[in-house]
Amino acid sequence: MSLDNRPVYTGGCQCGAVRFRIEGALGDASVCHCRMCQKASGNFYLPLVSVRGAKLDWTRGEPKRFRSSNAAWRGFCADCGTPLTFEAPDGIALAIAAFDDPEEIAPTIQWGIEAKLPYVDHIHELPGEDTMADISSSSYLADLVSYQHPDHDTEQWPPEERS
């Protein structure tokens, strides 16, 4: 919380070149299945949350933007490609998974369902395994070291030993 008891959220891209801070309540959280969101995220759908009415500050770097239509811009990290924003005339929405604590932001509606991929509603029925369960066939996992930015703000990134 901020000094005036407004909620504070932080997040950024996977490489740490772009970081953001939001002060104030978040708006609607959604999942968009439209083909433009699929392509922008490289995924089945794009989970977004509106920051309209809150104060958004870019605390490290700023997204590069691509005009995906006559009404919208998509912001992403120019260094690592992480999708970050959907910017339209009525405000900005941020990618939910780019937040440091995405589990706090649950979507409440789905948009663009005309383009929903037919198998999306059945993904939860697939068998699930922890990442390390595949160590016998993917031995590189035993020595895996993540170079992704941690889920909190840092004074400097990357650390000097990884530069």
N, C-alpha and C. Protein backbone atom coordinates (compact mmCIF):
# COMPACT_ATOMS: atom_id res chain seq x y z
N MET A 1 0.84 -1.18 0.00
CA MET A 1 0.00 0.00 0.00
C MET A 1 0.89 1.25 0.00
N SER A 2 0.37 2.28 -0.60
CA SER A 2 1.08 3.55 -0.61
C SER A 2 0.75 4.30 0.69
N LEU A 3 1.36 5.45 0.85
CA LEU A 3 1.14 6.23 2.07
C LEU A 3 -0.31 6.63 2.26
N ASP A 4 -1.05 6.80 1.17
CA ASP A 4 -2.46 7.17 1.30
C ASP A 4 -3.38 5.95 1.19
N ASN A 5 -2.84 4.77 1.51
CA ASN A 5 -3.58 3.50 1.53
C ASN A 5 -4.12 3.06 0.17
N ARG A 6 -3.51 3.51 -0.90
CA ARG A 6 -3.89 3.01 -2.22
C ARG A 6 -3.03 1.80 -2.53
N PRO A 7 -3.62 0.76 -3.15
CA PRO A 7 -2.81 -0.42 -3.47
C PRO A 7 -1.69 -0.09 -4.44
N VAL A 8 -0.60 -0.83 -4.32
CA VAL A 8 0.57 -0.67 -5.19
C VAL A 8 0.89 -2.03 -5.81
N TYR A 9 1.13 -2.02 -7.12
CA TYR A 9 1.50 -3.22 -7.85
C TYR A 9 2.77 -2.93 -8.63
N THR A 10 3.62 -3.94 -8.79
CA THR A 10 4.83 -3.80 -9.58
C THR A 10 4.95 -4.97 -10.54
N GLY A 11 5.78 -4.80 -11.54
CA GLY A 11 6.02 -5.88 -12.49
C GLY A 11 6.95 -5.43 -13.58
N GLY A 12 7.11 -6.26 -14.58
CA GLY A 12 7.98 -5.94 -15.69
C GLY A 12 8.22 -7.13 -16.59
N CYS A 13 9.16 -6.96 -17.48
CA CYS A 13 9.48 -7.99 -18.47
C CYS A 13 10.40 -9.05 -17.88
N GLN A 14 10.68 -10.08 -18.65
CA GLN A 14 11.50 -11.17 -18.14
C GLN A 14 12.98 -10.81 -18.02
N CYS A 15 13.47 -9.86 -18.81
CA CYS A 15 14.90 -9.53 -18.72
C CYS A 15 15.18 -8.39 -17.75
N GLY A 16 14.15 -7.66 -17.32
CA GLY A 16 14.34 -6.58 -16.35
C GLY A 16 14.61 -5.23 -16.97
N ALA A 17 14.64 -5.13 -18.29
CA ALA A 17 14.90 -3.84 -18.95
C ALA A 17 13.72 -2.88 -18.81
N VAL A 18 12.50 -3.42 -18.63
CA VAL A 18 11.31 -2.60 -18.46
C VAL A 18 10.61 -3.03 -17.17
N ARG A 19 10.38 -2.06 -16.29
CA ARG A 19 9.68 -2.30 -15.03
C ARG A 19 8.60 -1.24 -14.87
N PHE A 20 7.52 -1.60 -14.17
CA PHE A 20 6.44 -0.65 -13.93
C PHE A 20 5.98 -0.70 -12.49
N ARG A 21 5.31 0.38 -12.10
CA ARG A 21 4.70 0.51 -10.77
C ARG A 21 3.33 1.14 -10.97
N ILE A 22 2.32 0.54 -10.36
CA ILE A 22 0.95 1.05 -10.44
C ILE A 22 0.50 1.38 -9.03
N GLU A 23 -0.03 2.58 -8.87
CA GLU A 23 -0.60 2.99 -7.59
C GLU A 23 -2.07 3.26 -7.80
N GLY A 24 -2.91 2.53 -7.07
CA GLY A 24 -4.36 2.67 -7.21
C GLY A 24 -4.99 1.35 -7.59
N ALA A 25 -6.29 1.33 -7.57
CA ALA A 25 -7.04 0.11 -7.86
C ALA A 25 -6.94 -0.27 -9.33
N LEU A 26 -6.80 -1.55 -9.57
CA LEU A 26 -6.83 -2.06 -10.94
C LEU A 26 -8.27 -2.15 -11.41
N GLY A 27 -8.46 -2.12 -12.72
CA GLY A 27 -9.79 -2.23 -13.31
C GLY A 27 -10.12 -3.68 -13.63
N ASP A 28 -10.92 -3.85 -14.67
CA ASP A 28 -11.37 -5.17 -15.07
C ASP A 28 -10.20 -6.04 -15.53
N ALA A 29 -10.22 -7.29 -15.09
CA ALA A 29 -9.25 -8.28 -15.55
C ALA A 29 -9.97 -9.23 -16.50
N SER A 30 -9.34 -9.53 -17.62
CA SER A 30 -10.00 -10.35 -18.64
C SER A 30 -9.00 -11.25 -19.34
N VAL A 31 -9.56 -12.15 -20.11
CA VAL A 31 -8.79 -12.98 -21.03
C VAL A 31 -9.34 -12.68 -22.42
N CYS A 32 -8.46 -12.36 -23.36
CA CYS A 32 -8.92 -12.09 -24.72
C CYS A 32 -8.42 -13.19 -25.66
N HIS A 33 -9.36 -13.79 -26.38
CA HIS A 33 -9.07 -14.87 -27.32
C HIS A 33 -8.95 -14.38 -28.76
N CYS A 34 -9.13 -13.07 -29.01
CA CYS A 34 -9.13 -12.61 -30.40
C CYS A 34 -7.79 -12.94 -31.06
N ARG A 35 -7.83 -13.06 -32.37
CA ARG A 35 -6.62 -13.46 -33.10
C ARG A 35 -5.49 -12.45 -32.92
N MET A 36 -5.81 -11.18 -32.79
CA MET A 36 -4.76 -10.18 -32.58
C MET A 36 -4.05 -10.41 -31.25
N CYS A 37 -4.80 -10.72 -30.20
CA CYS A 37 -4.18 -10.99 -28.90
C CYS A 37 -3.40 -12.31 -28.92
N GLN A 38 -3.91 -13.31 -29.65
CA GLN A 38 -3.16 -14.55 -29.79
C GLN A 38 -1.79 -14.29 -30.41
N LYS A 39 -1.78 -13.51 -31.48
CA LYS A 39 -0.51 -13.24 -32.16
C LYS A 39 0.41 -12.34 -31.32
N ALA A 40 -0.18 -11.36 -30.64
CA ALA A 40 0.63 -10.44 -29.84
C ALA A 40 1.31 -11.15 -28.67
N SER A 41 0.65 -12.17 -28.14
CA SER A 41 1.22 -12.89 -27.00
C SER A 41 1.93 -14.17 -27.40
N GLY A 42 1.69 -14.64 -28.63
CA GLY A 42 2.25 -15.92 -29.04
C GLY A 42 1.64 -17.04 -28.22
N ASN A 43 0.37 -16.89 -27.86
CA ASN A 43 -0.26 -17.84 -26.96
C ASN A 43 -1.71 -18.07 -27.35
N PHE A 44 -2.40 -18.93 -26.62
CA PHE A 44 -3.80 -19.26 -26.90
C PHE A 44 -4.71 -18.06 -26.66
N TYR A 45 -4.35 -17.22 -25.70
CA TYR A 45 -5.13 -16.03 -25.34
C TYR A 45 -4.22 -15.09 -24.56
N LEU A 46 -4.70 -13.88 -24.29
CA LEU A 46 -3.90 -12.89 -23.58
C LEU A 46 -4.66 -12.38 -22.36
N PRO A 47 -4.19 -12.72 -21.15
CA PRO A 47 -4.80 -12.18 -19.93
C PRO A 47 -4.32 -10.74 -19.70
N LEU A 48 -5.28 -9.83 -19.54
CA LEU A 48 -5.00 -8.41 -19.38
C LEU A 48 -5.78 -7.83 -18.21
N VAL A 49 -5.25 -6.77 -17.61
CA VAL A 49 -5.97 -6.04 -16.58
C VAL A 49 -5.86 -4.55 -16.87
N SER A 50 -6.97 -3.86 -16.78
CA SER A 50 -7.01 -2.42 -17.03
C SER A 50 -6.36 -1.67 -15.87
N VAL A 51 -5.59 -0.64 -16.21
CA VAL A 51 -5.01 0.24 -15.20
C VAL A 51 -5.62 1.64 -15.30
N ARG A 52 -6.71 1.73 -16.02
CA ARG A 52 -7.44 3.00 -16.16
C ARG A 52 -7.85 3.47 -14.76
N GLY A 53 -7.55 4.70 -14.43
CA GLY A 53 -7.89 5.26 -13.12
C GLY A 53 -6.78 5.10 -12.09
N ALA A 54 -5.78 4.29 -12.39
CA ALA A 54 -4.64 4.14 -11.48
C ALA A 54 -3.45 4.91 -12.07
N LYS A 55 -2.44 5.13 -11.27
CA LYS A 55 -1.24 5.84 -11.73
C LYS A 55 -0.20 4.81 -12.16
N LEU A 56 0.13 4.82 -13.44
CA LEU A 56 1.13 3.92 -14.01
C LEU A 56 2.42 4.67 -14.25
N ASP A 57 3.52 4.16 -13.69
CA ASP A 57 4.85 4.73 -13.91
C ASP A 57 5.76 3.64 -14.45
N TRP A 58 6.53 3.98 -15.47
CA TRP A 58 7.57 3.09 -15.96
C TRP A 58 8.81 3.40 -15.13
N THR A 59 9.23 2.48 -14.29
CA THR A 59 10.33 2.75 -13.34
C THR A 59 11.69 2.36 -13.89
N ARG A 60 11.72 1.55 -14.92
CA ARG A 60 12.97 1.23 -15.62
C ARG A 60 12.61 1.00 -17.08
N GLY A 61 13.20 1.77 -17.95
CA GLY A 61 12.92 1.63 -19.37
C GLY A 61 11.47 1.95 -19.69
N GLU A 62 11.07 1.63 -20.89
CA GLU A 62 9.70 1.83 -21.34
C GLU A 62 9.47 0.88 -22.51
N PRO A 63 8.23 0.43 -22.67
CA PRO A 63 7.98 -0.52 -23.76
C PRO A 63 8.18 0.11 -25.13
N LYS A 64 8.61 -0.71 -26.07
CA LYS A 64 8.54 -0.35 -27.48
C LYS A 64 7.11 -0.67 -27.89
N ARG A 65 6.59 0.05 -28.86
CA ARG A 65 5.18 -0.14 -29.22
C ARG A 65 5.03 -0.51 -30.70
N PHE A 66 4.04 -1.36 -30.94
CA PHE A 66 3.67 -1.76 -32.29
C PHE A 66 2.20 -1.43 -32.48
N ARG A 67 1.86 -0.75 -33.57
CA ARG A 67 0.47 -0.41 -33.83
C ARG A 67 -0.18 -1.62 -34.50
N SER A 68 -0.97 -2.36 -33.71
CA SER A 68 -1.56 -3.60 -34.20
C SER A 68 -2.87 -3.39 -34.95
N SER A 69 -3.47 -2.22 -34.81
CA SER A 69 -4.70 -1.89 -35.54
C SER A 69 -4.85 -0.38 -35.57
N ASN A 70 -5.92 0.09 -36.20
CA ASN A 70 -6.14 1.52 -36.22
C ASN A 70 -6.58 2.04 -34.85
N ALA A 71 -6.90 1.15 -33.91
CA ALA A 71 -7.37 1.58 -32.59
C ALA A 71 -6.47 1.18 -31.44
N ALA A 72 -5.43 0.41 -31.70
CA ALA A 72 -4.65 -0.09 -30.56
C ALA A 72 -3.16 -0.18 -30.87
N TRP A 73 -2.40 -0.03 -29.80
CA TRP A 73 -0.95 -0.23 -29.80
C TRP A 73 -0.65 -1.35 -28.83
N ARG A 74 0.39 -2.12 -29.11
CA ARG A 74 0.84 -3.19 -28.22
C ARG A 74 2.24 -2.82 -27.75
N GLY A 75 2.44 -2.81 -26.43
CA GLY A 75 3.76 -2.51 -25.88
C GLY A 75 4.46 -3.79 -25.48
N PHE A 76 5.77 -3.84 -25.71
CA PHE A 76 6.56 -5.02 -25.39
C PHE A 76 7.99 -4.59 -25.09
N CYS A 77 8.75 -5.45 -24.45
CA CYS A 77 10.15 -5.14 -24.19
C CYS A 77 10.94 -5.33 -25.47
N ALA A 78 11.68 -4.30 -25.87
CA ALA A 78 12.48 -4.37 -27.09
C ALA A 78 13.67 -5.31 -26.94
N ASP A 79 14.07 -5.61 -25.69
CA ASP A 79 15.22 -6.48 -25.48
C ASP A 79 14.85 -7.96 -25.44
N CYS A 80 13.78 -8.31 -24.72
CA CYS A 80 13.44 -9.74 -24.57
C CYS A 80 12.13 -10.13 -25.22
N GLY A 81 11.32 -9.15 -25.65
CA GLY A 81 10.08 -9.44 -26.36
C GLY A 81 8.86 -9.69 -25.50
N THR A 82 8.98 -9.59 -24.19
CA THR A 82 7.84 -9.83 -23.32
C THR A 82 6.67 -8.91 -23.66
N PRO A 83 5.47 -9.45 -23.94
CA PRO A 83 4.30 -8.60 -24.16
C PRO A 83 3.93 -7.90 -22.85
N LEU A 84 3.66 -6.59 -22.92
CA LEU A 84 3.37 -5.84 -21.70
C LEU A 84 2.06 -5.08 -21.73
N THR A 85 1.72 -4.41 -22.85
CA THR A 85 0.54 -3.54 -22.83
C THR A 85 -0.38 -3.75 -24.02
N PHE A 86 -1.63 -3.39 -23.78
CA PHE A 86 -2.63 -3.18 -24.82
C PHE A 86 -3.10 -1.75 -24.60
N GLU A 87 -2.88 -0.87 -25.56
CA GLU A 87 -3.19 0.54 -25.40
C GLU A 87 -4.23 0.96 -26.43
N ALA A 88 -5.39 1.39 -25.94
CA ALA A 88 -6.51 1.78 -26.79
C ALA A 88 -6.99 3.16 -26.37
N PRO A 89 -7.88 3.77 -27.13
CA PRO A 89 -8.35 5.10 -26.78
C PRO A 89 -8.98 5.20 -25.38
N ASP A 90 -9.51 4.10 -24.87
CA ASP A 90 -10.15 4.17 -23.55
C ASP A 90 -9.21 3.79 -22.40
N GLY A 91 -7.93 3.57 -22.67
CA GLY A 91 -6.98 3.32 -21.60
C GLY A 91 -5.99 2.22 -21.91
N ILE A 92 -5.19 1.91 -20.91
CA ILE A 92 -4.12 0.92 -21.03
C ILE A 92 -4.47 -0.29 -20.18
N ALA A 93 -4.16 -1.46 -20.72
CA ALA A 93 -4.24 -2.71 -19.96
C ALA A 93 -2.86 -3.34 -19.99
N LEU A 94 -2.51 -3.99 -18.90
CA LEU A 94 -1.21 -4.66 -18.80
C LEU A 94 -1.40 -6.17 -18.78
N ALA A 95 -0.41 -6.88 -19.28
CA ALA A 95 -0.43 -8.34 -19.26
C ALA A 95 -0.35 -8.81 -17.81
N ILE A 96 -1.30 -9.63 -17.40
CA ILE A 96 -1.38 -10.05 -15.99
C ILE A 96 -0.12 -10.80 -15.56
N ALA A 97 0.43 -11.66 -16.40
CA ALA A 97 1.60 -12.44 -16.01
C ALA A 97 2.87 -11.58 -15.90
N ALA A 98 2.83 -10.33 -16.36
CA ALA A 98 3.99 -9.44 -16.21
C ALA A 98 4.06 -8.83 -14.81
N PHE A 99 3.00 -8.98 -14.02
CA PHE A 99 3.01 -8.47 -12.65
C PHE A 99 3.87 -9.37 -11.77
N ASP A 100 4.47 -8.80 -10.73
CA ASP A 100 5.28 -9.58 -9.81
C ASP A 100 4.45 -10.60 -9.04
N ASP A 101 3.19 -10.29 -8.79
CA ASP A 101 2.29 -11.20 -8.08
C ASP A 101 1.02 -11.42 -8.91
N PRO A 102 1.13 -12.14 -10.02
CA PRO A 102 -0.03 -12.30 -10.90
C PRO A 102 -1.17 -13.10 -10.28
N GLU A 103 -0.87 -13.88 -9.27
CA GLU A 103 -1.92 -14.68 -8.64
C GLU A 103 -2.97 -13.81 -7.95
N GLU A 104 -2.68 -12.55 -7.71
CA GLU A 104 -3.62 -11.62 -7.09
C GLU A 104 -4.65 -11.07 -8.08
N ILE A 105 -4.47 -11.33 -9.38
CA ILE A 105 -5.30 -10.70 -10.42
C ILE A 105 -6.02 -11.79 -11.22
N ALA A 106 -7.23 -12.09 -10.84
CA ALA A 106 -8.00 -13.14 -11.50
C ALA A 106 -8.93 -12.55 -12.57
N PRO A 107 -8.86 -13.07 -13.78
CA PRO A 107 -9.79 -12.61 -14.82
C PRO A 107 -11.24 -12.89 -14.43
N THR A 108 -12.13 -11.99 -14.87
CA THR A 108 -13.55 -12.14 -14.56
C THR A 108 -14.41 -12.28 -15.81
N ILE A 109 -13.80 -12.13 -17.00
CA ILE A 109 -14.57 -12.24 -18.25
C ILE A 109 -13.62 -12.65 -19.38
N GLN A 110 -14.19 -13.28 -20.42
CA GLN A 110 -13.46 -13.64 -21.63
C GLN A 110 -14.00 -12.80 -22.78
N TRP A 111 -13.08 -12.27 -23.57
CA TRP A 111 -13.45 -11.51 -24.77
C TRP A 111 -12.96 -12.27 -26.00
N GLY A 112 -13.49 -11.90 -27.14
CA GLY A 112 -13.02 -12.46 -28.42
C GLY A 112 -13.24 -13.95 -28.56
N ILE A 113 -14.30 -14.44 -27.96
CA ILE A 113 -14.50 -15.89 -27.96
C ILE A 113 -14.76 -16.47 -29.35
N GLU A 114 -15.04 -15.61 -30.33
CA GLU A 114 -15.23 -16.10 -31.70
C GLU A 114 -13.94 -16.73 -32.25
N ALA A 115 -12.79 -16.37 -31.67
CA ALA A 115 -11.51 -16.91 -32.13
C ALA A 115 -10.91 -17.89 -31.11
N LYS A 116 -11.66 -18.23 -30.08
CA LYS A 116 -11.15 -19.16 -29.07
C LYS A 116 -10.76 -20.48 -29.74
N LEU A 117 -9.57 -20.94 -29.46
CA LEU A 117 -9.11 -22.20 -30.03
C LEU A 117 -9.92 -23.34 -29.40
N PRO A 118 -10.29 -24.33 -30.20
CA PRO A 118 -11.25 -25.34 -29.75
C PRO A 118 -10.81 -26.18 -28.56
N TYR A 119 -9.52 -26.29 -28.31
CA TYR A 119 -9.05 -27.14 -27.22
C TYR A 119 -8.79 -26.40 -25.91
N VAL A 120 -8.89 -25.09 -25.91
CA VAL A 120 -8.56 -24.30 -24.72
C VAL A 120 -9.39 -24.71 -23.50
N ASP A 121 -10.65 -24.95 -23.69
CA ASP A 121 -11.52 -25.29 -22.56
C ASP A 121 -11.21 -26.66 -21.96
N HIS A 122 -10.34 -27.43 -22.60
CA HIS A 122 -10.04 -28.78 -22.11
C HIS A 122 -8.61 -28.91 -21.59
N ILE A 123 -7.85 -27.85 -21.58
CA ILE A 123 -6.46 -27.92 -21.13
C ILE A 123 -6.37 -28.41 -19.69
N HIS A 124 -7.30 -27.99 -18.85
CA HIS A 124 -7.26 -28.40 -17.44
C HIS A 124 -7.46 -29.91 -17.28
N GLU A 125 -7.93 -30.60 -18.31
CA GLU A 125 -8.13 -32.04 -18.25
C GLU A 125 -6.85 -32.82 -18.58
N LEU A 126 -5.84 -32.16 -19.12
CA LEU A 126 -4.58 -32.83 -19.46
C LEU A 126 -3.84 -33.24 -18.19
N PRO A 127 -3.07 -34.31 -18.25
CA PRO A 127 -2.25 -34.67 -17.09
C PRO A 127 -1.25 -33.56 -16.81
N GLY A 128 -0.89 -33.39 -15.55
CA GLY A 128 0.05 -32.33 -15.17
C GLY A 128 1.24 -32.89 -14.40
N GLU A 129 2.38 -32.30 -14.61
CA GLU A 129 3.61 -32.69 -13.94
C GLU A 129 4.39 -31.45 -13.52
N ASP A 130 5.13 -31.55 -12.43
CA ASP A 130 6.05 -30.48 -12.04
C ASP A 130 7.19 -30.42 -13.05
N THR A 131 7.81 -29.28 -13.19
CA THR A 131 8.92 -29.11 -14.14
C THR A 131 10.01 -30.14 -13.91
N MET A 132 10.40 -30.35 -12.67
CA MET A 132 11.52 -31.24 -12.37
C MET A 132 11.17 -32.72 -12.56
N ALA A 133 9.92 -33.05 -12.81
CA ALA A 133 9.54 -34.44 -13.06
C ALA A 133 10.14 -34.95 -14.37
N ASP A 134 10.60 -34.05 -15.23
CA ASP A 134 11.16 -34.42 -16.52
C ASP A 134 12.69 -34.50 -16.50
N ILE A 135 13.28 -34.48 -15.31
CA ILE A 135 14.74 -34.41 -15.20
C ILE A 135 15.43 -35.63 -15.80
N SER A 136 14.79 -36.79 -15.79
CA SER A 136 15.44 -37.99 -16.35
C SER A 136 15.61 -37.88 -17.86
N SER A 137 14.71 -37.22 -18.56
CA SER A 137 14.87 -37.09 -20.00
C SER A 137 15.43 -35.73 -20.40
N SER A 138 15.49 -34.80 -19.47
CA SER A 138 16.03 -33.47 -19.75
C SER A 138 17.06 -33.13 -18.66
N SER A 139 18.21 -33.74 -18.78
CA SER A 139 19.22 -33.62 -17.72
C SER A 139 19.69 -32.19 -17.49
N TYR A 140 19.52 -31.31 -18.47
CA TYR A 140 19.93 -29.91 -18.28
C TYR A 140 19.16 -29.23 -17.16
N LEU A 141 17.98 -29.76 -16.80
CA LEU A 141 17.19 -29.16 -15.73
C LEU A 141 17.91 -29.19 -14.38
N ALA A 142 18.76 -30.18 -14.15
CA ALA A 142 19.46 -30.30 -12.88
C ALA A 142 20.37 -29.11 -12.61
N ASP A 143 20.92 -28.52 -13.65
CA ASP A 143 21.84 -27.39 -13.51
C ASP A 143 21.25 -26.08 -14.00
N LEU A 144 19.94 -26.03 -14.16
CA LEU A 144 19.29 -24.85 -14.70
C LEU A 144 19.43 -23.64 -13.78
N VAL A 145 19.88 -22.51 -14.34
CA VAL A 145 19.99 -21.25 -13.62
C VAL A 145 19.19 -20.22 -14.41
N SER A 146 18.19 -19.62 -13.77
CA SER A 146 17.36 -18.63 -14.46
C SER A 146 18.08 -17.29 -14.52
N TYR A 147 18.06 -16.67 -15.69
CA TYR A 147 18.58 -15.32 -15.85
C TYR A 147 17.44 -14.32 -15.94
N GLN A 148 16.21 -14.77 -15.70
CA GLN A 148 15.09 -13.85 -15.74
C GLN A 148 15.11 -12.94 -14.52
N HIS A 149 14.57 -11.75 -14.69
CA HIS A 149 14.47 -10.80 -13.59
C HIS A 149 13.59 -11.40 -12.50
N PRO A 150 13.95 -11.24 -11.22
CA PRO A 150 13.10 -11.78 -10.15
C PRO A 150 11.79 -11.01 -10.05
N ASP A 151 10.83 -11.57 -9.34
CA ASP A 151 9.52 -10.94 -9.17
C ASP A 151 9.53 -9.91 -8.05
N HIS A 152 10.42 -8.95 -8.16
CA HIS A 152 10.49 -7.80 -7.25
C HIS A 152 11.43 -6.78 -7.87
N ASP A 153 11.32 -5.54 -7.41
CA ASP A 153 12.19 -4.50 -7.93
C ASP A 153 13.63 -4.72 -7.50
N THR A 154 14.57 -4.32 -8.34
CA THR A 154 15.99 -4.41 -8.05
C THR A 154 16.64 -3.06 -8.34
N GLU A 155 17.69 -2.76 -7.62
CA GLU A 155 18.43 -1.51 -7.86
C GLU A 155 19.14 -1.57 -9.20
N GLN A 156 19.71 -2.73 -9.50
CA GLN A 156 20.48 -2.89 -10.74
C GLN A 156 20.11 -4.23 -11.35
N TRP A 157 20.04 -4.25 -12.67
CA TRP A 157 19.80 -5.51 -13.36
C TRP A 157 20.42 -5.44 -14.73
N PRO A 158 21.11 -6.44 -15.19
CA PRO A 158 21.40 -7.69 -14.49
C PRO A 158 22.46 -7.50 -13.42
N PRO A 159 22.54 -8.45 -12.49
CA PRO A 159 23.62 -8.36 -11.49
C PRO A 159 24.97 -8.36 -12.20
N GLU A 160 25.95 -7.74 -11.61
CA GLU A 160 27.26 -7.61 -12.26
C GLU A 160 27.84 -8.95 -12.67
N GLU A 161 27.65 -10.00 -11.85
CA GLU A 161 28.24 -11.30 -12.19
C GLU A 161 27.60 -11.95 -13.41
N ARG A 162 26.44 -11.47 -13.85
CA ARG A 162 25.77 -12.04 -15.02
C ARG A 162 25.85 -11.12 -16.23
N SER A 163 26.35 -9.94 -16.09
CA SER A 163 26.36 -8.96 -17.19
C SER A 163 27.05 -9.46 -18.42
